[in-house]
Amino acid sequence: MILLTGATGTVGGLVAGRLRGRVPLRLLTRRPDRARELAGPQVEPVGGDFDDPVSLRRALTGVTSALLVTANPLTHAHDEHFLAAAREVGVRHVVKLSALAVADPDATDLITRWQRGNERLLRDSGLSWTLLRPRAFMTNTLGWSISVRAEGVVRAACGDAVNATVDPRDIADAAALTLLEPGAHAGREYPLTGPEAISAVRQTEILGELLQRPLRFEELPESEARRRLLVRYPAPIAEALAESAARGRAGAKAQVDPTVPELLGRPAGGYRRWARDHLAAFRA
């Protein structure tokens, strides 16, 4: 039995689709009704909460491998609770979704420190583990879809900064592989990037080419970008994201890593392919 956290999120849902029908699967979510579309033979949505250790022990009982996706940089308790429950009920292997910034000693923002701490908790847990460290998701550009549809405009900061963004489908393939073959991937740290470092300006050009309509990129001043972050996130998280953006402007996210093709035995997916497959989101 494999358990997935984050099954209603970007990566977890893709992993569920890859494992459904291959192994007995349990999907941990606070709202099991939201995972109904992922259900099927040998797929069991279960209710649970990272703040409720009893629910975690119940969900993890009988599980051999688990995907751990946590999303609150203001606490390590979620990882602590999950790993304690996993250890208590006999889970053997945990695949953790982390971030590639943890490997950069110059990355000291709150979110990166949180991920480093969570990785340390997993290493010290006594469980077998695999770490997946992706660069920024290509799906982040779905945040442009409303302005693209309505105005033909992309507004973003750091438009010329390049980032080796990764297709979440490649992350999901890596997660499924490491969950199905834990012995072959125990103790491994996998950096996951796309095949090229690409800027927001170039992504905008690609979307325009595929849509066959002119799109305009408008650079957001740093002050406006920070204001928008503060509207969406608590101040400590907004500040961490601003620090991360500054590192991106300095070129810290440009390196392309060969792990995805080596691990999956095929090329990593590029932004043009991802955009073509998700073009409906950007069409007027």
C-alpha atoms as a PDB file:
ATOM      1  CA  MET A   1       0.000   0.000   0.000  1.00  0.00           C
ATOM      2  CA  ILE A   2       1.254   3.466  -0.972  1.00  0.00           C
ATOM      3  CA  LEU A   3      -0.055   6.627   0.675  1.00  0.00           C
ATOM      4  CA  LEU A   4      -0.003  10.035  -0.992  1.00  0.00           C
ATOM      5  CA  THR A   5      -0.305  13.364   0.767  1.00  0.00           C
ATOM      6  CA  GLY A   6      -1.151  16.402  -1.328  1.00  0.00           C
ATOM      7  CA  ALA A   7      -3.292  14.241  -3.612  1.00  0.00           C
ATOM      8  CA  THR A   8      -5.539  17.172  -4.523  1.00  0.00           C
ATOM      9  CA  GLY A   9      -2.526  19.352  -5.359  1.00  0.00           C
ATOM     10  CA  THR A  10      -0.418  19.720  -8.492  1.00  0.00           C
ATOM     11  CA  VAL A  11       2.111  16.930  -7.964  1.00  0.00           C
ATOM     12  CA  GLY A  12       0.102  14.621  -5.721  1.00  0.00           C
ATOM     13  CA  GLY A  13      -2.797  14.430  -8.151  1.00  0.00           C
ATOM     14  CA  LEU A  14      -0.455  13.577 -11.025  1.00  0.00           C
ATOM     15  CA  VAL A  15       1.228  10.878  -8.940  1.00  0.00           C
ATOM     16  CA  ALA A  16      -2.167   9.416  -8.070  1.00  0.00           C
ATOM     17  CA  GLY A  17      -2.977   9.170 -11.764  1.00  0.00           C
ATOM     18  CA  ARG A  18       0.275   7.330 -12.443  1.00  0.00           C
ATOM     19  CA  LEU A  19      -0.147   4.823  -9.623  1.00  0.00           C
ATOM     20  CA  ARG A  20      -3.885   4.196  -9.896  1.00  0.00           C
ATOM     21  CA  GLY A  21      -4.512   0.633 -11.023  1.00  0.00           C
ATOM     22  CA  ARG A  22      -0.902  -0.434 -10.410  1.00  0.00           C
ATOM     23  CA  VAL A  23      -0.832  -0.678  -6.606  1.00  0.00           C
ATOM     24  CA  PRO A  24      -3.258  -0.260  -3.714  1.00  0.00           C
ATOM     25  CA  LEU A  25      -3.344   3.473  -3.081  1.00  0.00           C
ATOM     26  CA  ARG A  26      -4.461   5.624  -0.159  1.00  0.00           C
ATOM     27  CA  LEU A  27      -4.983   9.376  -0.564  1.00  0.00           C
ATOM     28  CA  LEU A  28      -4.669  11.495   2.577  1.00  0.00           C
ATOM     29  CA  THR A  29      -6.637  14.729   2.490  1.00  0.00           C
ATOM     30  CA  ARG A  30      -8.520  16.959   4.907  1.00  0.00           C
ATOM     31  CA  ARG A  31     -11.471  16.788   2.491  1.00  0.00           C
ATOM     32  CA  PRO A  32     -11.877  13.244   1.095  1.00  0.00           C
ATOM     33  CA  ASP A  33     -14.792  14.441  -1.041  1.00  0.00           C
ATOM     34  CA  ARG A  34     -12.347  16.620  -3.015  1.00  0.00           C
ATOM     35  CA  ALA A  35     -10.416  13.484  -4.024  1.00  0.00           C
ATOM     36  CA  ARG A  36     -13.486  11.716  -5.349  1.00  0.00           C
ATOM     37  CA  GLU A  37     -12.423  12.151  -8.986  1.00  0.00           C
ATOM     38  CA  LEU A  38      -9.184  10.294  -8.183  1.00  0.00           C
ATOM     39  CA  ALA A  39     -10.985   7.334  -6.642  1.00  0.00           C
ATOM     40  CA  GLY A  40     -11.227   3.964  -8.337  1.00  0.00           C
ATOM     41  CA  PRO A  41     -10.423   0.287  -7.781  1.00  0.00           C
ATOM     42  CA  GLN A  42      -7.842  -0.042  -5.009  1.00  0.00           C
ATOM     43  CA  VAL A  43      -7.856   3.739  -4.407  1.00  0.00           C
ATOM     44  CA  GLU A  44      -9.013   4.876  -0.968  1.00  0.00           C
ATOM     45  CA  PRO A  45      -9.373   8.567  -0.056  1.00  0.00           C
ATOM     46  CA  VAL A  46      -9.011   8.988   3.705  1.00  0.00           C
ATOM     47  CA  GLY A  47      -9.512  11.975   5.948  1.00  0.00           C
ATOM     48  CA  GLY A  48      -6.603  13.274   7.961  1.00  0.00           C
ATOM     49  CA  ASP A  49      -4.741  16.374   9.038  1.00  0.00           C
ATOM     50  CA  PHE A  50      -1.065  17.071   9.693  1.00  0.00           C
ATOM     51  CA  ASP A  51      -2.131  18.738  12.951  1.00  0.00           C
ATOM     52  CA  ASP A  52      -3.885  15.541  14.099  1.00  0.00           C
ATOM     53  CA  PRO A  53      -1.374  12.734  14.838  1.00  0.00           C
ATOM     54  CA  VAL A  54      -4.174  10.245  15.549  1.00  0.00           C
ATOM     55  CA  SER A  55      -5.576  10.711  12.038  1.00  0.00           C
ATOM     56  CA  LEU A  56      -2.084  10.284  10.595  1.00  0.00           C
ATOM     57  CA  ARG A  57      -1.473   7.015  12.424  1.00  0.00           C
ATOM     58  CA  ARG A  58      -4.835   5.731  11.251  1.00  0.00           C
ATOM     59  CA  ALA A  59      -4.156   6.703   7.626  1.00  0.00           C
ATOM     60  CA  LEU A  60      -0.605   5.275   7.614  1.00  0.00           C
ATOM     61  CA  THR A  61      -1.449   1.906   9.138  1.00  0.00           C
ATOM     62  CA  GLY A  62      -0.731  -0.807   6.561  1.00  0.00           C
ATOM     63  CA  VAL A  63       1.263   1.554   4.325  1.00  0.00           C
ATOM     64  CA  THR A  64       4.742   0.564   3.090  1.00  0.00           C
ATOM     65  CA  SER A  65       5.741   3.737   1.167  1.00  0.00           C
ATOM     66  CA  ALA A  66       4.465   7.313   1.321  1.00  0.00           C
ATOM     67  CA  LEU A  67       4.797  10.594  -0.545  1.00  0.00           C
ATOM     68  CA  LEU A  68       5.177  13.522   1.851  1.00  0.00           C
ATOM     69  CA  VAL A  69       4.145  16.968   0.599  1.00  0.00           C
ATOM     70  CA  THR A  70       3.800  19.743   3.178  1.00  0.00           C
ATOM     71  CA  ALA A  71       3.059  23.381   2.451  1.00  0.00           C
ATOM     72  CA  ASN A  72       3.257  25.572   5.550  1.00  0.00           C
ATOM     73  CA  PRO A  73       6.691  27.194   5.904  1.00  0.00           C
ATOM     74  CA  LEU A  74       5.728  28.612   9.298  1.00  0.00           C
ATOM     75  CA  THR A  75       5.882  25.231  11.057  1.00  0.00           C
ATOM     76  CA  HIS A  76       7.935  22.029  11.103  1.00  0.00           C
ATOM     77  CA  ALA A  77       5.227  20.283  13.126  1.00  0.00           C
ATOM     78  CA  HIS A  78       3.508  18.824  10.058  1.00  0.00           C
ATOM     79  CA  ASP A  79       6.611  16.894   9.009  1.00  0.00           C
ATOM     80  CA  GLU A  80       7.345  15.952  12.613  1.00  0.00           C
ATOM     81  CA  HIS A  81       3.842  14.559  13.143  1.00  0.00           C
ATOM     82  CA  PHE A  82       3.838  12.664   9.861  1.00  0.00           C
ATOM     83  CA  LEU A  83       7.251  11.059  10.359  1.00  0.00           C
ATOM     84  CA  ALA A  84       6.519  10.103  13.960  1.00  0.00           C
ATOM     85  CA  ALA A  85       3.280   8.426  12.881  1.00  0.00           C
ATOM     86  CA  ALA A  86       4.997   6.683   9.956  1.00  0.00           C
ATOM     87  CA  ARG A  87       7.710   5.329  12.205  1.00  0.00           C
ATOM     88  CA  GLU A  88       5.196   4.186  14.830  1.00  0.00           C
ATOM     89  CA  VAL A  89       3.040   2.137  12.433  1.00  0.00           C
ATOM     90  CA  GLY A  90       5.901   0.612  10.423  1.00  0.00           C
ATOM     91  CA  VAL A  91       6.059   2.615   7.178  1.00  0.00           C
ATOM     92  CA  ARG A  92       9.339   1.688   5.513  1.00  0.00           C
ATOM     93  CA  HIS A  93      10.021   4.420   2.924  1.00  0.00           C
ATOM     94  CA  VAL A  94       9.134   8.104   2.565  1.00  0.00           C
ATOM     95  CA  VAL A  95       9.570  10.148  -0.610  1.00  0.00           C
ATOM     96  CA  LYS A  96       9.740  13.825   0.319  1.00  0.00           C
ATOM     97  CA  LEU A  97       8.951  16.691  -2.058  1.00  0.00           C
ATOM     98  CA  SER A  98      11.497  19.376  -1.185  1.00  0.00           C
ATOM     99  CA  ALA A  99      13.083  22.139  -3.301  1.00  0.00           C
ATOM    100  CA  LEU A 100      16.314  22.564  -5.216  1.00  0.00           C
ATOM    101  CA  ALA A 101      17.189  25.761  -3.329  1.00  0.00           C
ATOM    102  CA  VAL A 102      18.232  23.660  -0.309  1.00  0.00           C
ATOM    103  CA  ALA A 103      21.401  22.701  -2.187  1.00  0.00           C
ATOM    104  CA  ASP A 104      22.420  26.364  -2.581  1.00  0.00           C
ATOM    105  CA  PRO A 105      24.327  27.618   0.496  1.00  0.00           C
ATOM    106  CA  ASP A 106      23.491  31.202  -0.471  1.00  0.00           C
ATOM    107  CA  ALA A 107      19.748  30.499  -0.193  1.00  0.00           C
ATOM    108  CA  THR A 108      18.880  31.521   3.367  1.00  0.00           C
ATOM    109  CA  ASP A 109      15.254  32.637   3.077  1.00  0.00           C
ATOM    110  CA  LEU A 110      12.570  31.304   5.418  1.00  0.00           C
ATOM    111  CA  ILE A 111      11.112  28.804   2.938  1.00  0.00           C
ATOM    112  CA  THR A 112      14.486  27.271   2.079  1.00  0.00           C
ATOM    113  CA  ARG A 113      15.444  27.024   5.756  1.00  0.00           C
ATOM    114  CA  TRP A 114      12.097  25.301   6.360  1.00  0.00           C
ATOM    115  CA  GLN A 115      12.769  22.765   3.616  1.00  0.00           C
ATOM    116  CA  ARG A 116      16.278  22.112   4.919  1.00  0.00           C
ATOM    117  CA  GLY A 117      14.873  21.507   8.368  1.00  0.00           C
ATOM    118  CA  ASN A 118      12.260  19.112   7.017  1.00  0.00           C
ATOM    119  CA  GLU A 119      14.904  17.188   5.082  1.00  0.00           C
ATOM    120  CA  ARG A 120      16.933  16.901   8.293  1.00  0.00           C
ATOM    121  CA  LEU A 121      13.884  15.561  10.149  1.00  0.00           C
ATOM    122  CA  LEU A 122      13.457  12.865   7.503  1.00  0.00           C
ATOM    123  CA  ARG A 123      17.128  11.863   7.510  1.00  0.00           C
ATOM    124  CA  ASP A 124      17.070  11.605  11.292  1.00  0.00           C
ATOM    125  CA  SER A 125      13.782   9.688  11.414  1.00  0.00           C
ATOM    126  CA  GLY A 126      15.264   6.220  10.963  1.00  0.00           C
ATOM    127  CA  LEU A 127      13.043   5.662   7.923  1.00  0.00           C
ATOM    128  CA  SER A 128      14.292   4.895   4.440  1.00  0.00           C
ATOM    129  CA  TRP A 129      13.984   8.051   2.342  1.00  0.00           C
ATOM    130  CA  THR A 130      14.284   9.708  -1.058  1.00  0.00           C
ATOM    131  CA  LEU A 131      14.377  13.479  -1.599  1.00  0.00           C
ATOM    132  CA  LEU A 132      12.907  15.104  -4.708  1.00  0.00           C
ATOM    133  CA  ARG A 133      14.237  18.637  -5.215  1.00  0.00           C
ATOM    134  CA  PRO A 134      12.471  20.390  -8.107  1.00  0.00           C
ATOM    135  CA  ARG A 135      13.107  23.844  -9.474  1.00  0.00           C
ATOM    136  CA  ALA A 136      10.069  26.131 -10.000  1.00  0.00           C
ATOM    137  CA  PHE A 137       7.029  24.469 -11.578  1.00  0.00           C
ATOM    138  CA  MET A 138       6.043  25.361 -15.142  1.00  0.00           C
ATOM    139  CA  THR A 139       2.460  25.405 -13.873  1.00  0.00           C
ATOM    140  CA  ASN A 140       3.249  28.617 -11.985  1.00  0.00           C
ATOM    141  CA  THR A 141       2.627  30.463 -15.258  1.00  0.00           C
ATOM    142  CA  LEU A 142      -1.057  29.477 -15.055  1.00  0.00           C
ATOM    143  CA  GLY A 143      -1.232  32.513 -12.783  1.00  0.00           C
ATOM    144  CA  TRP A 144      -0.949  34.598 -15.952  1.00  0.00           C
ATOM    145  CA  SER A 145      -4.007  33.041 -17.584  1.00  0.00           C
ATOM    146  CA  ILE A 146      -6.577  35.676 -16.587  1.00  0.00           C
ATOM    147  CA  SER A 147      -4.582  38.649 -17.892  1.00  0.00           C
ATOM    148  CA  VAL A 148      -3.560  36.716 -21.017  1.00  0.00           C
ATOM    149  CA  ARG A 149      -7.164  35.849 -21.821  1.00  0.00           C
ATOM    150  CA  ALA A 150      -8.577  39.281 -21.056  1.00  0.00           C
ATOM    151  CA  GLU A 151      -5.793  41.632 -22.145  1.00  0.00           C
ATOM    152  CA  GLY A 152      -3.089  39.711 -23.967  1.00  0.00           C
ATOM    153  CA  VAL A 153      -0.668  40.773 -21.227  1.00  0.00           C
ATOM    154  CA  VAL A 154       1.691  39.021 -18.821  1.00  0.00           C
ATOM    155  CA  ARG A 155       2.686  41.081 -15.786  1.00  0.00           C
ATOM    156  CA  ALA A 156       5.557  39.754 -13.711  1.00  0.00           C
ATOM    157  CA  ALA A 157       8.764  40.771 -12.022  1.00  0.00           C
ATOM    158  CA  CYS A 158      12.257  39.674 -13.064  1.00  0.00           C
ATOM    159  CA  GLY A 159      11.180  39.160 -16.664  1.00  0.00           C
ATOM    160  CA  ASP A 160      14.706  38.569 -17.979  1.00  0.00           C
ATOM    161  CA  ALA A 161      15.834  36.266 -15.151  1.00  0.00           C
ATOM    162  CA  VAL A 162      16.155  32.659 -16.323  1.00  0.00           C
ATOM    163  CA  ASN A 163      14.981  29.642 -14.360  1.00  0.00           C
ATOM    164  CA  ALA A 164      15.382  25.956 -15.229  1.00  0.00           C
ATOM    165  CA  THR A 165      11.690  25.369 -14.575  1.00  0.00           C
ATOM    166  CA  VAL A 166      10.421  21.795 -14.463  1.00  0.00           C
ATOM    167  CA  ASP A 167       7.250  20.184 -15.798  1.00  0.00           C
ATOM    168  CA  PRO A 168       5.308  18.812 -12.793  1.00  0.00           C
ATOM    169  CA  ARG A 169       4.578  15.715 -14.862  1.00  0.00           C
ATOM    170  CA  ASP A 170       8.292  14.918 -14.703  1.00  0.00           C
ATOM    171  CA  ILE A 171       8.229  15.363 -10.930  1.00  0.00           C
ATOM    172  CA  ALA A 172       5.258  13.011 -10.746  1.00  0.00           C
ATOM    173  CA  ASP A 173       7.041  10.393 -12.865  1.00  0.00           C
ATOM    174  CA  ALA A 174      10.058  10.616 -10.555  1.00  0.00           C
ATOM    175  CA  ALA A 175       7.844  10.310  -7.473  1.00  0.00           C
ATOM    176  CA  ALA A 176       5.977   7.299  -8.850  1.00  0.00           C
ATOM    177  CA  LEU A 177       9.235   5.565  -9.753  1.00  0.00           C
ATOM    178  CA  THR A 178      10.801   6.097  -6.338  1.00  0.00           C
ATOM    179  CA  LEU A 179       7.632   5.003  -4.542  1.00  0.00           C
ATOM    180  CA  LEU A 180       7.369   1.808  -6.578  1.00  0.00           C
ATOM    181  CA  GLU A 181      11.072   0.940  -6.308  1.00  0.00           C
ATOM    182  CA  PRO A 182      12.126   2.280  -2.900  1.00  0.00           C
ATOM    183  CA  GLY A 183      15.143   0.004  -2.546  1.00  0.00           C
ATOM    184  CA  ALA A 184      16.742   1.368  -5.696  1.00  0.00           C
ATOM    185  CA  HIS A 185      16.333   4.977  -4.583  1.00  0.00           C
ATOM    186  CA  ALA A 186      16.863   4.899  -0.828  1.00  0.00           C
ATOM    187  CA  GLY A 187      19.126   7.632   0.474  1.00  0.00           C
ATOM    188  CA  ARG A 188      19.131   9.506  -2.843  1.00  0.00           C
ATOM    189  CA  GLU A 189      18.642  13.229  -3.458  1.00  0.00           C
ATOM    190  CA  TYR A 190      17.291  14.016  -6.924  1.00  0.00           C
ATOM    191  CA  PRO A 191      17.543  17.576  -8.335  1.00  0.00           C
ATOM    192  CA  LEU A 192      14.787  17.994 -10.922  1.00  0.00           C
ATOM    193  CA  THR A 193      14.914  20.689 -13.613  1.00  0.00           C
ATOM    194  CA  GLY A 194      13.658  21.232 -17.118  1.00  0.00           C
ATOM    195  CA  PRO A 195      15.888  20.991 -20.199  1.00  0.00           C
ATOM    196  CA  GLU A 196      16.647  24.723 -20.402  1.00  0.00           C
ATOM    197  CA  ALA A 197      16.781  27.871 -18.335  1.00  0.00           C
ATOM    198  CA  ILE A 198      14.004  30.128 -19.582  1.00  0.00           C
ATOM    199  CA  SER A 199      12.827  33.642 -18.734  1.00  0.00           C
ATOM    200  CA  ALA A 200       9.299  34.912 -18.202  1.00  0.00           C
ATOM    201  CA  VAL A 201       9.739  37.078 -21.283  1.00  0.00           C
ATOM    202  CA  ARG A 202      10.542  34.015 -23.397  1.00  0.00           C
ATOM    203  CA  GLN A 203       7.666  32.040 -21.870  1.00  0.00           C
ATOM    204  CA  THR A 204       5.366  34.890 -22.869  1.00  0.00           C
ATOM    205  CA  GLU A 205       6.711  34.747 -26.432  1.00  0.00           C
ATOM    206  CA  ILE A 206       6.115  30.987 -26.597  1.00  0.00           C
ATOM    207  CA  LEU A 207       2.553  31.363 -25.358  1.00  0.00           C
ATOM    208  CA  GLY A 208       1.918  34.042 -27.988  1.00  0.00           C
ATOM    209  CA  GLU A 209       3.315  31.835 -30.746  1.00  0.00           C
ATOM    210  CA  LEU A 210       1.123  28.909 -29.702  1.00  0.00           C
ATOM    211  CA  LEU A 211      -1.968  31.092 -29.290  1.00  0.00           C
ATOM    212  CA  GLN A 212      -1.221  32.803 -32.606  1.00  0.00           C
ATOM    213  CA  ARG A 213      -1.889  36.196 -31.061  1.00  0.00           C
ATOM    214  CA  PRO A 214       0.518  38.907 -29.876  1.00  0.00           C
ATOM    215  CA  LEU A 215       1.160  38.944 -26.126  1.00  0.00           C
ATOM    216  CA  ARG A 216       2.856  41.777 -24.284  1.00  0.00           C
ATOM    217  CA  PHE A 217       5.127  41.389 -21.269  1.00  0.00           C
ATOM    218  CA  GLU A 218       4.992  44.140 -18.665  1.00  0.00           C
ATOM    219  CA  GLU A 219       7.728  44.230 -16.039  1.00  0.00           C
ATOM    220  CA  LEU A 220       6.403  44.758 -12.528  1.00  0.00           C
ATOM    221  CA  PRO A 221       8.508  47.093 -10.395  1.00  0.00           C
ATOM    222  CA  GLU A 222       9.981  45.367  -7.381  1.00  0.00           C
ATOM    223  CA  SER A 223       7.787  47.412  -5.047  1.00  0.00           C
ATOM    224  CA  GLU A 224       4.603  46.346  -6.865  1.00  0.00           C
ATOM    225  CA  ALA A 225       5.698  42.707  -6.956  1.00  0.00           C
ATOM    226  CA  ARG A 226       6.290  42.822  -3.198  1.00  0.00           C
ATOM    227  CA  ARG A 227       2.889  44.462  -2.618  1.00  0.00           C
ATOM    228  CA  ARG A 228       1.164  41.684  -4.553  1.00  0.00           C
ATOM    229  CA  LEU A 229       2.998  39.046  -2.524  1.00  0.00           C
ATOM    230  CA  LEU A 230       1.819  40.687   0.702  1.00  0.00           C
ATOM    231  CA  VAL A 231      -1.772  40.541  -0.532  1.00  0.00           C
ATOM    232  CA  ARG A 232      -1.528  36.776  -1.058  1.00  0.00           C
ATOM    233  CA  TYR A 233       0.788  35.611   1.744  1.00  0.00           C
ATOM    234  CA  PRO A 234       1.688  36.313   5.360  1.00  0.00           C
ATOM    235  CA  ALA A 235       4.533  38.822   5.583  1.00  0.00           C
ATOM    236  CA  PRO A 236       7.292  36.289   6.481  1.00  0.00           C
ATOM    237  CA  ILE A 237       6.426  34.130   3.469  1.00  0.00           C
ATOM    238  CA  ALA A 238       6.122  37.130   1.161  1.00  0.00           C
ATOM    239  CA  GLU A 239       9.560  38.290   2.279  1.00  0.00           C
ATOM    240  CA  ALA A 240      11.012  34.830   1.630  1.00  0.00           C
ATOM    241  CA  LEU A 241       9.554  34.801  -1.880  1.00  0.00           C
ATOM    242  CA  ALA A 242      10.994  38.265  -2.531  1.00  0.00           C
ATOM    243  CA  GLU A 243      14.426  37.039  -1.388  1.00  0.00           C
ATOM    244  CA  SER A 244      14.083  34.032  -3.686  1.00  0.00           C
ATOM    245  CA  ALA A 245      13.220  36.317  -6.610  1.00  0.00           C
ATOM    246  CA  ALA A 246      16.337  38.377  -5.928  1.00  0.00           C
ATOM    247  CA  ARG A 247      18.446  35.222  -6.122  1.00  0.00           C
ATOM    248  CA  GLY A 248      16.779  34.445  -9.425  1.00  0.00           C
ATOM    249  CA  ARG A 249      17.716  37.863 -10.791  1.00  0.00           C
ATOM    250  CA  ALA A 250      21.314  37.096  -9.845  1.00  0.00           C
ATOM    251  CA  GLY A 251      21.260  33.862 -11.889  1.00  0.00           C
ATOM    252  CA  ALA A 252      21.023  31.378  -9.021  1.00  0.00           C
ATOM    253  CA  LYS A 253      18.272  29.303 -10.685  1.00  0.00           C
ATOM    254  CA  ALA A 254      19.719  28.928 -14.169  1.00  0.00           C
ATOM    255  CA  GLN A 255      21.586  25.619 -13.885  1.00  0.00           C
ATOM    256  CA  VAL A 256      20.125  22.700 -15.840  1.00  0.00           C
ATOM    257  CA  ASP A 257      20.592  19.320 -14.158  1.00  0.00           C
ATOM    258  CA  PRO A 258      20.709  15.986 -16.057  1.00  0.00           C
ATOM    259  CA  THR A 259      18.895  13.964 -13.371  1.00  0.00           C
ATOM    260  CA  VAL A 260      15.426  13.919 -14.985  1.00  0.00           C
ATOM    261  CA  PRO A 261      16.566  12.248 -18.241  1.00  0.00           C
ATOM    262  CA  GLU A 262      18.950   9.957 -16.365  1.00  0.00           C
ATOM    263  CA  LEU A 263      16.293   8.873 -13.883  1.00  0.00           C
ATOM    264  CA  LEU A 264      13.370   8.571 -16.303  1.00  0.00           C
ATOM    265  CA  GLY A 265      15.245   7.396 -19.396  1.00  0.00           C
ATOM    266  CA  ARG A 266      13.786  10.131 -21.620  1.00  0.00           C
ATOM    267  CA  PRO A 267      14.269  13.869 -22.152  1.00  0.00           C
ATOM    268  CA  ALA A 268      12.877  16.306 -19.613  1.00  0.00           C
ATOM    269  CA  GLY A 269       9.791  18.144 -20.812  1.00  0.00           C
ATOM    270  CA  GLY A 270      10.305  21.697 -22.058  1.00  0.00           C
ATOM    271  CA  TYR A 271       8.109  24.734 -21.581  1.00  0.00           C
ATOM    272  CA  ARG A 272       6.793  24.745 -25.149  1.00  0.00           C
ATOM    273  CA  ARG A 273       5.427  21.218 -24.742  1.00  0.00           C
ATOM    274  CA  TRP A 274       3.894  22.042 -21.372  1.00  0.00           C
ATOM    275  CA  ALA A 275       2.301  25.219 -22.737  1.00  0.00           C
ATOM    276  CA  ARG A 276       0.893  23.414 -25.768  1.00  0.00           C
ATOM    277  CA  ASP A 277      -0.726  20.815 -23.515  1.00  0.00           C
ATOM    278  CA  HIS A 278      -2.272  23.527 -21.289  1.00  0.00           C
ATOM    279  CA  LEU A 279      -3.112  26.090 -23.951  1.00  0.00           C
ATOM    280  CA  ALA A 280      -6.846  26.013 -23.229  1.00  0.00           C
ATOM    281  CA  ALA A 281      -6.202  27.824 -19.942  1.00  0.00           C
ATOM    282  CA  PHE A 282      -4.785  30.816 -21.860  1.00  0.00           C
ATOM    283  CA  ARG A 283      -7.280  31.023 -24.732  1.00  0.00           C
ATOM    284  CA  ALA A 284      -9.651  33.955 -24.750  1.00  0.00           C
END
